């Protein structure tokens, strides 16, 4: 039976599985594992990736889960080491620094000053809040007064219009009565051609 030139042997699959699992454990990516295997087997990383996803991966599901757990544990241990190293450095720094009485006095003095400043700021804040409340009340009161004045103005306008109408009617009545009381004047022409009023 002929073997294809690009056929995968059992050893190739084993190399692929071991490399991918190692990269997972170390927190690397599968793409880097495919590149590494491709270099060793003279294949493209795409071909290696296809082989892994299509054939090999299914046989190593439990091993993959275990490798992921190992990667998680490894990251946790690295984080602990980092924290411990940081704490050790802090401890060394503290031990190198000596605190004398003058430092304590300076610290307490600054603390006292900060406390006074805090009390002062608190009092100023309370005063501003009271002033704000007073201004709000004044604003509300002025709004109500303005509303009343606007209502009074509207009433005065109505009364003024009514008064103008009454005066206009009274003026018309006076003019009408005057015109009725005045008698119509009659004239006649004398022999010289002059007009003279005729007495009624």
N, C-alpha and C. Protein backbone atom coordinates (compact mmCIF):
# COMPACT_ATOMS: atom_id res chain seq x y z
N UNK A 1 0.85 -1.20 0.00
CA UNK A 1 0.00 0.00 0.00
C UNK A 1 0.88 1.24 0.00
N UNK A 2 0.61 2.17 -0.91
CA UNK A 2 1.42 3.37 -1.02
C UNK A 2 0.99 4.40 0.01
N UNK A 3 1.96 5.09 0.56
CA UNK A 3 1.67 6.15 1.53
C UNK A 3 1.85 7.49 0.82
N UNK A 4 0.84 8.34 0.96
CA UNK A 4 0.93 9.67 0.32
C UNK A 4 2.10 10.45 0.92
N UNK A 5 2.71 11.26 0.08
CA UNK A 5 3.88 12.02 0.50
C UNK A 5 3.55 12.98 1.63
N UNK A 6 2.28 13.50 1.60
CA UNK A 6 1.88 14.45 2.64
C UNK A 6 1.10 13.77 3.76
N UNK A 7 1.11 12.46 3.83
CA UNK A 7 0.37 11.74 4.87
C UNK A 7 1.01 11.98 6.22
N UNK A 8 0.16 11.95 7.25
CA UNK A 8 0.62 12.17 8.62
C UNK A 8 0.87 10.81 9.29
N UNK A 9 2.02 10.68 9.91
CA UNK A 9 2.32 9.44 10.64
C UNK A 9 1.84 9.59 12.08
N UNK A 10 1.84 8.47 12.79
CA UNK A 10 1.44 8.49 14.21
C UNK A 10 2.39 9.40 15.01
N UNK A 11 3.69 9.35 14.65
CA UNK A 11 4.68 10.18 15.34
C UNK A 11 4.42 11.67 15.10
N UNK A 12 3.99 11.99 13.85
CA UNK A 12 3.69 13.39 13.54
C UNK A 12 2.53 13.89 14.41
N UNK A 13 1.48 13.04 14.48
CA UNK A 13 0.31 13.42 15.30
C UNK A 13 0.71 13.57 16.77
N UNK A 14 1.57 12.68 17.25
CA UNK A 14 2.01 12.73 18.64
C UNK A 14 2.82 14.01 18.91
N UNK A 15 3.70 14.35 17.97
CA UNK A 15 4.48 15.58 18.10
C UNK A 15 3.55 16.80 18.13
N UNK A 16 2.55 16.78 17.25
CA UNK A 16 1.59 17.89 17.19
C UNK A 16 0.85 18.02 18.52
N UNK A 17 0.35 16.89 19.05
CA UNK A 17 -0.41 16.92 20.30
C UNK A 17 0.45 17.41 21.45
N UNK A 18 1.67 16.87 21.57
CA UNK A 18 2.55 17.27 22.68
C UNK A 18 2.90 18.76 22.61
N UNK A 19 3.14 19.25 21.40
CA UNK A 19 3.52 20.67 21.24
C UNK A 19 2.36 21.59 21.59
N UNK A 20 1.16 21.24 21.08
CA UNK A 20 -0.01 22.08 21.37
C UNK A 20 -0.30 22.08 22.87
N UNK A 21 -0.25 20.92 23.52
CA UNK A 21 -0.53 20.84 24.96
C UNK A 21 0.50 21.64 25.76
N UNK A 22 1.75 21.59 25.35
CA UNK A 22 2.78 22.36 26.04
C UNK A 22 2.52 23.87 25.93
N UNK A 23 2.15 24.31 24.73
CA UNK A 23 1.85 25.73 24.54
C UNK A 23 0.65 26.16 25.37
N UNK A 24 -0.37 25.29 25.47
CA UNK A 24 -1.55 25.62 26.30
C UNK A 24 -1.13 25.76 27.75
N UNK A 25 -0.32 24.80 28.24
CA UNK A 25 0.13 24.84 29.65
C UNK A 25 0.93 26.10 29.95
N UNK A 26 1.75 26.52 29.00
CA UNK A 26 2.63 27.67 29.22
C UNK A 26 1.94 29.01 28.96
N UNK A 27 0.65 28.96 28.56
CA UNK A 27 -0.08 30.20 28.32
C UNK A 27 0.14 30.79 26.95
N UNK A 28 0.73 30.00 26.05
CA UNK A 28 0.96 30.47 24.69
C UNK A 28 -0.28 30.17 23.84
N UNK A 29 -0.20 30.47 22.53
CA UNK A 29 -1.35 30.24 21.64
C UNK A 29 -1.13 28.99 20.79
N UNK A 30 -2.24 28.47 20.30
CA UNK A 30 -2.16 27.30 19.42
C UNK A 30 -1.48 27.66 18.09
N UNK A 31 -1.64 28.91 17.65
CA UNK A 31 -1.00 29.32 16.40
C UNK A 31 0.51 29.21 16.48
N UNK A 32 1.08 29.54 17.64
CA UNK A 32 2.53 29.40 17.80
C UNK A 32 2.92 27.92 17.79
N UNK A 33 2.05 27.10 18.38
CA UNK A 33 2.32 25.65 18.37
C UNK A 33 2.30 25.13 16.93
N UNK A 34 1.33 25.60 16.13
CA UNK A 34 1.24 25.16 14.73
C UNK A 34 2.49 25.58 13.96
N UNK A 35 2.95 26.82 14.22
CA UNK A 35 4.18 27.30 13.56
C UNK A 35 5.37 26.41 13.92
N UNK A 36 5.50 26.07 15.20
CA UNK A 36 6.63 25.25 15.66
C UNK A 36 6.61 23.87 15.01
N UNK A 37 5.42 23.24 14.99
CA UNK A 37 5.30 21.91 14.38
C UNK A 37 5.54 22.00 12.88
N UNK A 38 5.01 23.05 12.26
CA UNK A 38 5.21 23.22 10.82
C UNK A 38 6.69 23.32 10.46
N UNK A 39 7.46 24.04 11.30
CA UNK A 39 8.91 24.15 11.05
C UNK A 39 9.59 22.79 11.17
N UNK A 40 9.17 21.99 12.15
CA UNK A 40 9.80 20.68 12.38
C UNK A 40 9.44 19.67 11.29
N UNK A 41 8.18 19.73 10.80
CA UNK A 41 7.71 18.73 9.83
C UNK A 41 7.72 19.25 8.39
N UNK A 42 8.23 20.46 8.20
CA UNK A 42 8.27 21.06 6.87
C UNK A 42 6.87 21.15 6.26
N UNK A 43 5.92 21.66 7.06
CA UNK A 43 4.54 21.86 6.61
C UNK A 43 4.11 23.29 6.95
N UNK A 44 3.07 23.74 6.28
CA UNK A 44 2.58 25.09 6.60
C UNK A 44 1.80 25.04 7.91
N UNK A 45 1.76 26.18 8.58
CA UNK A 45 1.01 26.23 9.85
C UNK A 45 -0.48 26.01 9.60
N UNK A 46 -0.97 26.40 8.41
CA UNK A 46 -2.38 26.17 8.07
C UNK A 46 -2.67 24.68 7.99
N UNK A 47 -1.76 23.93 7.36
CA UNK A 47 -1.94 22.48 7.24
C UNK A 47 -1.90 21.82 8.62
N UNK A 48 -0.97 22.29 9.47
CA UNK A 48 -0.87 21.75 10.82
C UNK A 48 -2.14 22.05 11.61
N UNK A 49 -2.63 23.28 11.50
CA UNK A 49 -3.86 23.66 12.20
C UNK A 49 -5.04 22.85 11.73
N UNK A 50 -5.14 22.61 10.43
CA UNK A 50 -6.23 21.80 9.90
C UNK A 50 -6.17 20.38 10.47
N UNK A 51 -4.97 19.80 10.49
CA UNK A 51 -4.79 18.43 11.03
C UNK A 51 -5.21 18.38 12.49
N UNK A 52 -4.83 19.40 13.25
CA UNK A 52 -5.16 19.42 14.68
C UNK A 52 -6.68 19.50 14.88
N UNK A 53 -7.33 20.41 14.18
CA UNK A 53 -8.77 20.61 14.40
C UNK A 53 -9.61 19.48 13.82
N UNK A 54 -9.15 18.89 12.71
CA UNK A 54 -9.95 17.86 12.05
C UNK A 54 -9.75 16.47 12.64
N UNK A 55 -8.56 16.14 13.08
CA UNK A 55 -8.25 14.76 13.47
C UNK A 55 -7.76 14.64 14.92
N UNK A 56 -6.69 15.35 15.23
CA UNK A 56 -5.94 15.07 16.48
C UNK A 56 -6.67 15.58 17.71
N UNK A 57 -7.25 16.74 17.65
CA UNK A 57 -7.86 17.39 18.82
C UNK A 57 -8.86 16.49 19.52
N UNK A 58 -9.68 15.78 18.75
CA UNK A 58 -10.74 14.94 19.34
C UNK A 58 -10.17 13.86 20.27
N UNK A 59 -8.95 13.42 20.00
CA UNK A 59 -8.36 12.34 20.80
C UNK A 59 -7.77 12.86 22.11
N UNK A 60 -7.63 14.17 22.24
CA UNK A 60 -6.92 14.73 23.39
C UNK A 60 -7.78 15.74 24.18
N UNK A 61 -9.11 15.60 24.16
CA UNK A 61 -9.98 16.55 24.84
C UNK A 61 -9.67 16.62 26.34
N UNK A 62 -9.52 15.46 26.98
CA UNK A 62 -9.23 15.45 28.42
C UNK A 62 -7.86 16.06 28.70
N UNK A 63 -6.89 15.75 27.86
CA UNK A 63 -5.55 16.31 28.04
C UNK A 63 -5.57 17.83 27.88
N UNK A 64 -6.41 18.33 26.96
CA UNK A 64 -6.53 19.78 26.75
C UNK A 64 -7.08 20.45 28.01
N UNK A 65 -8.14 19.82 28.59
CA UNK A 65 -8.74 20.38 29.80
C UNK A 65 -7.72 20.42 30.94
N UNK A 66 -6.94 19.34 31.06
CA UNK A 66 -5.91 19.27 32.10
C UNK A 66 -4.84 20.35 31.87
N UNK A 67 -4.44 20.53 30.62
CA UNK A 67 -3.44 21.55 30.29
C UNK A 67 -3.95 22.95 30.62
N UNK A 68 -5.25 23.19 30.40
CA UNK A 68 -5.84 24.49 30.72
C UNK A 68 -5.84 24.72 32.23
N UNK A 69 -6.13 23.65 32.99
CA UNK A 69 -6.10 23.78 34.45
C UNK A 69 -4.69 24.08 34.93
N UNK A 70 -3.71 23.38 34.33
CA UNK A 70 -2.31 23.60 34.70
C UNK A 70 -1.89 25.04 34.37
N UNK A 71 -2.38 25.56 33.23
CA UNK A 71 -2.07 26.94 32.86
C UNK A 71 -2.65 27.91 33.88
N UNK A 72 -3.89 27.64 34.31
CA UNK A 72 -4.54 28.49 35.31
C UNK A 72 -3.77 28.47 36.63
N UNK A 73 -3.38 27.27 37.05
CA UNK A 73 -2.62 27.13 38.29
C UNK A 73 -1.27 27.84 38.19
N UNK A 74 -0.67 27.72 37.02
CA UNK A 74 0.63 28.38 36.80
C UNK A 74 0.50 29.90 36.90
N UNK A 75 -0.55 30.45 36.30
CA UNK A 75 -0.77 31.90 36.36
C UNK A 75 -1.02 32.34 37.80
N UNK A 76 -1.78 31.52 38.54
CA UNK A 76 -2.07 31.86 39.94
C UNK A 76 -0.79 31.90 40.77
N UNK A 77 0.07 30.91 40.55
CA UNK A 77 1.34 30.85 41.29
C UNK A 77 2.23 32.05 40.94
N UNK A 78 2.23 32.42 39.65
CA UNK A 78 3.04 33.58 39.24
C UNK A 78 2.52 34.86 39.91
N UNK A 79 1.17 34.97 40.01
CA UNK A 79 0.58 36.15 40.65
C UNK A 79 0.97 36.19 42.12
N UNK A 80 0.95 35.02 42.79
CA UNK A 80 1.33 34.96 44.20
C UNK A 80 2.78 35.36 44.38
N UNK A 81 3.65 34.85 43.49
CA UNK A 81 5.07 35.19 43.57
C UNK A 81 5.27 36.69 43.38
N UNK A 82 4.52 37.28 42.44
CA UNK A 82 4.63 38.72 42.19
C UNK A 82 4.23 39.52 43.42
N UNK A 83 3.10 39.11 44.03
CA UNK A 83 2.62 39.81 45.23
C UNK A 83 3.62 39.66 46.37
N UNK A 84 4.11 38.44 46.57
CA UNK A 84 5.07 38.19 47.64
C UNK A 84 6.35 39.01 47.43
N UNK A 85 6.82 39.05 46.18
CA UNK A 85 8.02 39.83 45.87
C UNK A 85 7.81 41.30 46.16
N UNK A 86 6.61 41.80 45.80
CA UNK A 86 6.29 43.20 46.04
C UNK A 86 6.25 43.50 47.53
N UNK A 87 5.66 42.56 48.30
CA UNK A 87 5.56 42.74 49.75
C UNK A 87 6.94 42.72 50.40
N UNK A 88 7.79 41.85 49.89
CA UNK A 88 9.16 41.77 50.44
C UNK A 88 9.91 43.07 50.18
N UNK A 89 9.74 43.63 48.97
CA UNK A 89 10.41 44.90 48.65
C UNK A 89 9.90 46.01 49.55
N UNK A 90 8.57 46.03 49.77
CA UNK A 90 7.98 47.06 50.63
C UNK A 90 8.52 46.93 52.05
N UNK A 91 8.61 45.68 52.52
CA UNK A 91 9.11 45.43 53.88
C UNK A 91 10.57 45.88 54.01
N UNK A 92 11.36 45.60 52.97
CA UNK A 92 12.76 46.02 52.98
C UNK A 92 12.87 47.54 53.01
N UNK A 93 12.02 48.18 52.21
CA UNK A 93 12.05 49.65 52.16
C UNK A 93 11.69 50.23 53.51
N UNK A 94 10.65 49.65 54.15
CA UNK A 94 10.22 50.15 55.46
C UNK A 94 11.31 49.97 56.50
N UNK A 95 11.98 48.82 56.45
CA UNK A 95 13.01 48.56 57.44
C UNK A 95 14.20 49.50 57.25
N UNK A 96 14.42 49.93 55.99
CA UNK A 96 15.52 50.84 55.73
C UNK A 96 15.22 52.24 56.23
N UNK A 97 13.92 52.61 56.27
CA UNK A 97 13.54 53.95 56.70
C UNK A 97 13.39 53.97 58.22
N UNK A 98 14.01 54.95 58.86
CA UNK A 98 13.87 55.09 60.31
C UNK A 98 12.98 56.29 60.60
N UNK A 99 12.09 56.11 61.57
CA UNK A 99 11.16 57.18 61.93
C UNK A 99 11.59 57.74 63.28
N UNK A 100 11.79 59.05 63.33
CA UNK A 100 12.17 59.65 64.61
C UNK A 100 11.02 60.50 65.14
N UNK A 101 11.21 61.09 66.31
CA UNK A 101 10.16 61.85 66.99
C UNK A 101 9.73 63.06 66.17
N UNK A 102 10.67 63.70 65.50
CA UNK A 102 10.35 64.89 64.70
C UNK A 102 9.39 64.54 63.56
N UNK A 103 9.61 63.35 62.93
CA UNK A 103 8.70 62.92 61.87
C UNK A 103 7.29 62.73 62.40
N UNK A 104 7.20 62.13 63.60
CA UNK A 104 5.88 61.91 64.21
C UNK A 104 5.20 63.24 64.51
N UNK A 105 5.97 64.21 65.07
CA UNK A 105 5.40 65.53 65.39
C UNK A 105 4.93 66.23 64.12
N UNK A 106 5.75 66.17 63.07
CA UNK A 106 5.36 66.81 61.80
C UNK A 106 4.09 66.18 61.23
N UNK A 107 4.01 64.86 61.33
CA UNK A 107 2.83 64.16 60.82
C UNK A 107 1.58 64.56 61.59
N UNK A 108 1.69 64.60 62.93
CA UNK A 108 0.53 64.95 63.76
C UNK A 108 0.12 66.41 63.54
N UNK A 109 1.11 67.29 63.33
CA UNK A 109 0.81 68.70 63.07
C UNK A 109 0.06 68.86 61.75
N UNK A 110 0.54 68.17 60.73
CA UNK A 110 -0.14 68.25 59.43
C UNK A 110 -1.55 67.67 59.51
N UNK A 111 -1.68 66.60 60.32
CA UNK A 111 -3.00 65.98 60.51
C UNK A 111 -3.96 66.95 61.18
N UNK A 112 -3.43 67.68 62.19
CA UNK A 112 -4.24 68.66 62.91
C UNK A 112 -4.66 69.79 61.97
N UNK A 113 -3.71 70.29 61.16
CA UNK A 113 -4.02 71.36 60.20
C UNK A 113 -5.08 70.92 59.21
N UNK A 114 -4.94 69.67 58.74
CA UNK A 114 -5.94 69.14 57.80
C UNK A 114 -7.31 69.05 58.46
N UNK A 115 -7.31 68.70 59.76
CA UNK A 115 -8.57 68.61 60.49
C UNK A 115 -9.23 69.98 60.59
N UNK A 116 -8.40 71.02 60.91
CA UNK A 116 -8.93 72.38 60.98
C UNK A 116 -9.48 72.83 59.63
N UNK A 117 -8.72 72.53 58.59
CA UNK A 117 -9.16 72.90 57.23
C UNK A 117 -10.47 72.21 56.89
N UNK A 118 -10.56 70.94 57.28
CA UNK A 118 -11.77 70.18 57.00
C UNK A 118 -12.97 70.79 57.73
N UNK A 119 -12.77 71.19 59.01
CA UNK A 119 -13.86 71.81 59.78
C UNK A 119 -14.26 73.13 59.15
N UNK A 120 -13.26 73.92 58.73
CA UNK A 120 -13.53 75.20 58.09
C UNK A 120 -14.32 75.02 56.80
N UNK A 121 -13.90 74.04 56.00
CA UNK A 121 -14.61 73.77 54.74
C UNK A 121 -16.04 73.31 55.00
N UNK A 122 -16.19 72.52 56.06
CA UNK A 122 -17.54 72.03 56.40
C UNK A 122 -18.44 73.20 56.77
N UNK A 123 -17.90 74.14 57.59
CA UNK A 123 -18.69 75.31 57.98
C UNK A 123 -19.05 76.17 56.76
N UNK A 124 -18.08 76.36 55.86
CA UNK A 124 -18.35 77.15 54.64
C UNK A 124 -19.41 76.48 53.78
N UNK A 125 -19.32 75.16 53.70
CA UNK A 125 -20.30 74.41 52.91
C UNK A 125 -21.70 74.58 53.49
N UNK A 126 -21.81 74.49 54.84
CA UNK A 126 -23.12 74.66 55.48
C UNK A 126 -23.67 76.06 55.24
N UNK A 127 -22.77 77.08 55.35
CA UNK A 127 -23.22 78.46 55.10
C UNK A 127 -23.71 78.65 53.66
N UNK A 128 -22.98 78.05 52.72
CA UNK A 128 -23.40 78.14 51.31
C UNK A 128 -24.73 77.45 51.08
N UNK A 129 -24.93 76.32 51.76
CA UNK A 129 -26.20 75.62 51.62
C UNK A 129 -27.36 76.45 52.16
N UNK A 130 -27.11 77.11 53.33
CA UNK A 130 -28.15 77.98 53.91
C UNK A 130 -28.45 79.15 52.98
N UNK A 131 -27.39 79.77 52.45
CA UNK A 131 -27.56 80.89 51.53
C UNK A 131 -28.33 80.47 50.28
N UNK A 132 -28.00 79.29 49.80
CA UNK A 132 -28.69 78.75 48.62
C UNK A 132 -30.18 78.54 48.91
N UNK A 133 -30.47 78.03 50.11
CA UNK A 133 -31.87 77.80 50.50
C UNK A 133 -32.62 79.13 50.61
N UNK A 134 -31.94 80.15 51.20
CA UNK A 134 -32.56 81.47 51.34
C UNK A 134 -32.86 82.09 49.97
N UNK A 135 -31.89 81.98 49.06
CA UNK A 135 -32.09 82.52 47.71
C UNK A 135 -33.22 81.79 46.98
N UNK A 136 -33.30 80.48 47.21
CA UNK A 136 -34.38 79.72 46.58
C UNK A 136 -35.74 80.19 47.09
N UNK A 137 -35.83 80.43 48.41
CA UNK A 137 -37.09 80.91 48.99
C UNK A 137 -37.44 82.30 48.47
N UNK A 138 -36.41 83.18 48.39
CA UNK A 138 -36.65 84.54 47.86
C UNK A 138 -37.14 84.48 46.41
N UNK A 139 -36.54 83.61 45.65
CA UNK A 139 -36.92 83.46 44.24
C UNK A 139 -38.38 83.01 44.13
N UNK A 140 -38.76 82.07 44.99
CA UNK A 140 -40.14 81.56 44.97
C UNK A 140 -41.11 82.68 45.36
N UNK A 141 -40.73 83.47 46.40
CA UNK A 141 -41.58 84.56 46.86
C UNK A 141 -41.74 85.61 45.75
N UNK A 142 -40.63 85.96 45.08
CA UNK A 142 -40.70 86.96 44.01
C UNK A 142 -41.53 86.47 42.83
N UNK A 143 -41.45 85.18 42.56
CA UNK A 143 -42.29 84.62 41.48
C UNK A 143 -43.77 84.80 41.81
N UNK A 144 -44.13 84.52 43.07
CA UNK A 144 -45.54 84.67 43.49
C UNK A 144 -45.98 86.12 43.41
N UNK A 145 -45.09 87.04 43.85
CA UNK A 145 -45.43 88.47 43.79
C UNK A 145 -45.61 88.92 42.34
N UNK A 146 -44.74 88.47 41.47
CA UNK A 146 -44.84 88.83 40.06
C UNK A 146 -46.15 88.33 39.46
N UNK A 147 -46.55 87.13 39.89
CA UNK A 147 -47.81 86.56 39.38
C UNK A 147 -48.99 87.44 39.79
N UNK A 148 -48.97 87.90 41.06
CA UNK A 148 -50.06 88.74 41.56
C UNK A 148 -50.08 90.07 40.81
N UNK A 149 -48.88 90.66 40.61
CA UNK A 149 -48.81 91.94 39.90
C UNK A 149 -49.32 91.81 38.47
N UNK A 150 -48.98 90.69 37.82
CA UNK A 150 -49.46 90.46 36.45
C UNK A 150 -50.98 90.36 36.42
N UNK A 151 -51.55 89.69 37.44
CA UNK A 151 -53.02 89.58 37.51
C UNK A 151 -53.66 90.95 37.74
N UNK A 152 -53.04 91.75 38.65
CA UNK A 152 -53.56 93.10 38.90
C UNK A 152 -53.47 93.95 37.65
N UNK A 153 -52.39 93.85 36.92
CA UNK A 153 -52.20 94.62 35.70
C UNK A 153 -53.28 94.26 34.67
N UNK A 154 -53.56 92.96 34.56
CA UNK A 154 -54.58 92.52 33.61
C UNK A 154 -55.95 93.09 33.99
N UNK A 155 -56.23 93.11 35.31
CA UNK A 155 -57.51 93.67 35.78
C UNK A 155 -57.60 95.16 35.47
N UNK A 156 -56.49 95.90 35.74
CA UNK A 156 -56.46 97.34 35.47
C UNK A 156 -56.66 97.62 33.98
N UNK A 157 -56.04 96.78 33.14
CA UNK A 157 -56.19 96.95 31.69
C UNK A 157 -57.65 96.79 31.28
N UNK A 158 -58.31 95.76 31.86
CA UNK A 158 -59.73 95.54 31.54
C UNK A 158 -60.58 96.73 31.99
N UNK A 159 -60.31 97.22 33.23
CA UNK A 159 -61.07 98.37 33.75
C UNK A 159 -60.83 99.60 32.88
N UNK A 160 -59.59 99.80 32.45
CA UNK A 160 -59.25 100.96 31.63
C UNK A 160 -60.00 100.91 30.29
N UNK A 161 -60.03 99.72 29.68
CA UNK A 161 -60.75 99.57 28.41
C UNK A 161 -62.25 99.85 28.59
N UNK A 162 -62.78 99.34 29.72
CA UNK A 162 -64.21 99.59 29.99
C UNK A 162 -64.47 101.08 30.17
N UNK A 163 -63.59 101.78 30.90
CA UNK A 163 -63.74 103.22 31.13
C UNK A 163 -63.68 104.00 29.81
N UNK A 164 -62.74 103.61 28.94
CA UNK A 164 -62.62 104.28 27.64
C UNK A 164 -63.92 104.11 26.84
N UNK A 165 -64.47 102.90 26.86
CA UNK A 165 -65.73 102.66 26.13
C UNK A 165 -66.87 103.50 26.69
N UNK A 166 -66.96 103.61 28.04
CA UNK A 166 -68.02 104.42 28.67
C UNK A 166 -67.87 105.89 28.28
N UNK A 167 -66.62 106.38 28.34
CA UNK A 167 -66.38 107.79 27.97
C UNK A 167 -66.72 108.04 26.51
N UNK A 168 -66.40 107.09 25.65
CA UNK A 168 -66.70 107.25 24.23
C UNK A 168 -68.20 107.32 24.00
N UNK A 169 -68.94 106.44 24.71
CA UNK A 169 -70.40 106.46 24.57
C UNK A 169 -70.98 107.79 25.09
N UNK A 170 -70.45 108.28 26.24
CA UNK A 170 -70.94 109.54 26.82
C UNK A 170 -70.68 110.71 25.86
N UNK A 171 -69.48 110.73 25.24
CA UNK A 171 -69.14 111.80 24.29
C UNK A 171 -70.09 111.80 23.11
N UNK A 172 -70.39 110.59 22.61
CA UNK A 172 -71.31 110.50 21.45
C UNK A 172 -72.69 111.00 21.83
N UNK A 173 -73.12 110.67 23.07
CA UNK A 173 -74.46 111.11 23.50
C UNK A 173 -74.53 112.63 23.62
N UNK A 174 -73.48 113.26 24.13
CA UNK A 174 -73.44 114.73 24.28
C UNK A 174 -73.48 115.39 22.91
N UNK A 175 -72.71 114.89 21.98
CA UNK A 175 -72.68 115.46 20.63
C UNK A 175 -74.05 115.34 19.99
N UNK A 176 -74.69 114.20 20.19
CA UNK A 176 -76.02 113.97 19.59
C UNK A 176 -77.05 114.93 20.18
N UNK A 177 -77.03 115.14 21.52
CA UNK A 177 -77.98 116.04 22.17
C UNK A 177 -77.76 117.47 21.72
N UNK A 178 -76.49 117.91 21.59
CA UNK A 178 -76.19 119.27 21.15
C UNK A 178 -76.75 119.53 19.75
N UNK A 179 -76.62 118.53 18.92
CA UNK A 179 -77.10 118.72 17.54
C UNK A 179 -78.61 118.78 17.49
N UNK A 180 -79.28 118.11 18.45
CA UNK A 180 -80.76 118.16 18.47
C UNK A 180 -81.26 119.51 19.01
N UNK A 181 -80.56 120.06 20.00
CA UNK A 181 -81.00 121.29 20.65
C UNK A 181 -80.82 122.52 19.75
N UNK A 182 -79.84 122.51 18.87
CA UNK A 182 -79.61 123.68 18.01
C UNK A 182 -80.68 123.72 16.90
N UNK A 183 -81.44 124.85 16.83
CA UNK A 183 -82.47 124.94 15.78
C UNK A 183 -81.82 125.21 14.43
N UNK A 184 -82.50 124.79 13.44
CA UNK A 184 -81.98 125.04 12.10
C UNK A 184 -82.23 126.53 11.75
N UNK A 185 -81.27 127.22 11.23
CA UNK A 185 -81.36 128.66 10.95
C UNK A 185 -81.80 128.85 9.48
N UNK A 186 -82.74 129.76 9.29
CA UNK A 186 -83.24 130.06 7.94
C UNK A 186 -82.78 131.46 7.52
N UNK A 187 -82.49 131.60 6.26
CA UNK A 187 -82.03 132.88 5.71
C UNK A 187 -82.91 133.28 4.52
N UNK A 188 -82.93 134.64 4.32
CA UNK A 188 -83.62 135.13 3.12
C UNK A 188 -82.77 136.25 2.52
N UNK A 189 -83.00 136.55 1.26
CA UNK A 189 -82.19 137.54 0.58
C UNK A 189 -83.01 138.84 0.49
N UNK A 190 -82.31 139.94 0.89
CA UNK A 190 -83.01 141.22 0.81
C UNK A 190 -82.88 141.78 -0.61
N UNK A 191 -83.40 143.00 -0.82
CA UNK A 191 -83.42 143.57 -2.16
C UNK A 191 -82.04 143.95 -2.67
N UNK A 192 -81.11 144.12 -1.71
CA UNK A 192 -79.72 144.42 -2.13
C UNK A 192 -78.91 143.18 -2.43
N UNK A 193 -79.46 141.99 -2.22
CA UNK A 193 -78.74 140.73 -2.49
C UNK A 193 -77.97 140.18 -1.31
N UNK A 194 -78.29 140.79 -0.11
CA UNK A 194 -77.63 140.29 1.09
C UNK A 194 -78.52 139.26 1.79
N UNK A 195 -77.86 138.29 2.49
CA UNK A 195 -78.59 137.30 3.25
C UNK A 195 -78.88 137.85 4.65
N UNK A 196 -80.10 137.60 5.11
CA UNK A 196 -80.41 137.97 6.48
C UNK A 196 -81.16 136.83 7.14
N UNK A 197 -80.91 136.69 8.47
CA UNK A 197 -81.47 135.60 9.24
C UNK A 197 -82.94 135.84 9.46
N UNK A 198 -83.71 134.77 9.34
CA UNK A 198 -85.15 134.89 9.58
C UNK A 198 -85.40 134.45 11.00
N UNK A 199 -86.00 135.28 11.80
CA UNK A 199 -86.29 134.95 13.21
C UNK A 199 -87.46 134.00 13.23
N UNK A 200 -87.34 132.95 14.14
CA UNK A 200 -88.42 131.97 14.25
C UNK A 200 -89.37 132.38 15.33
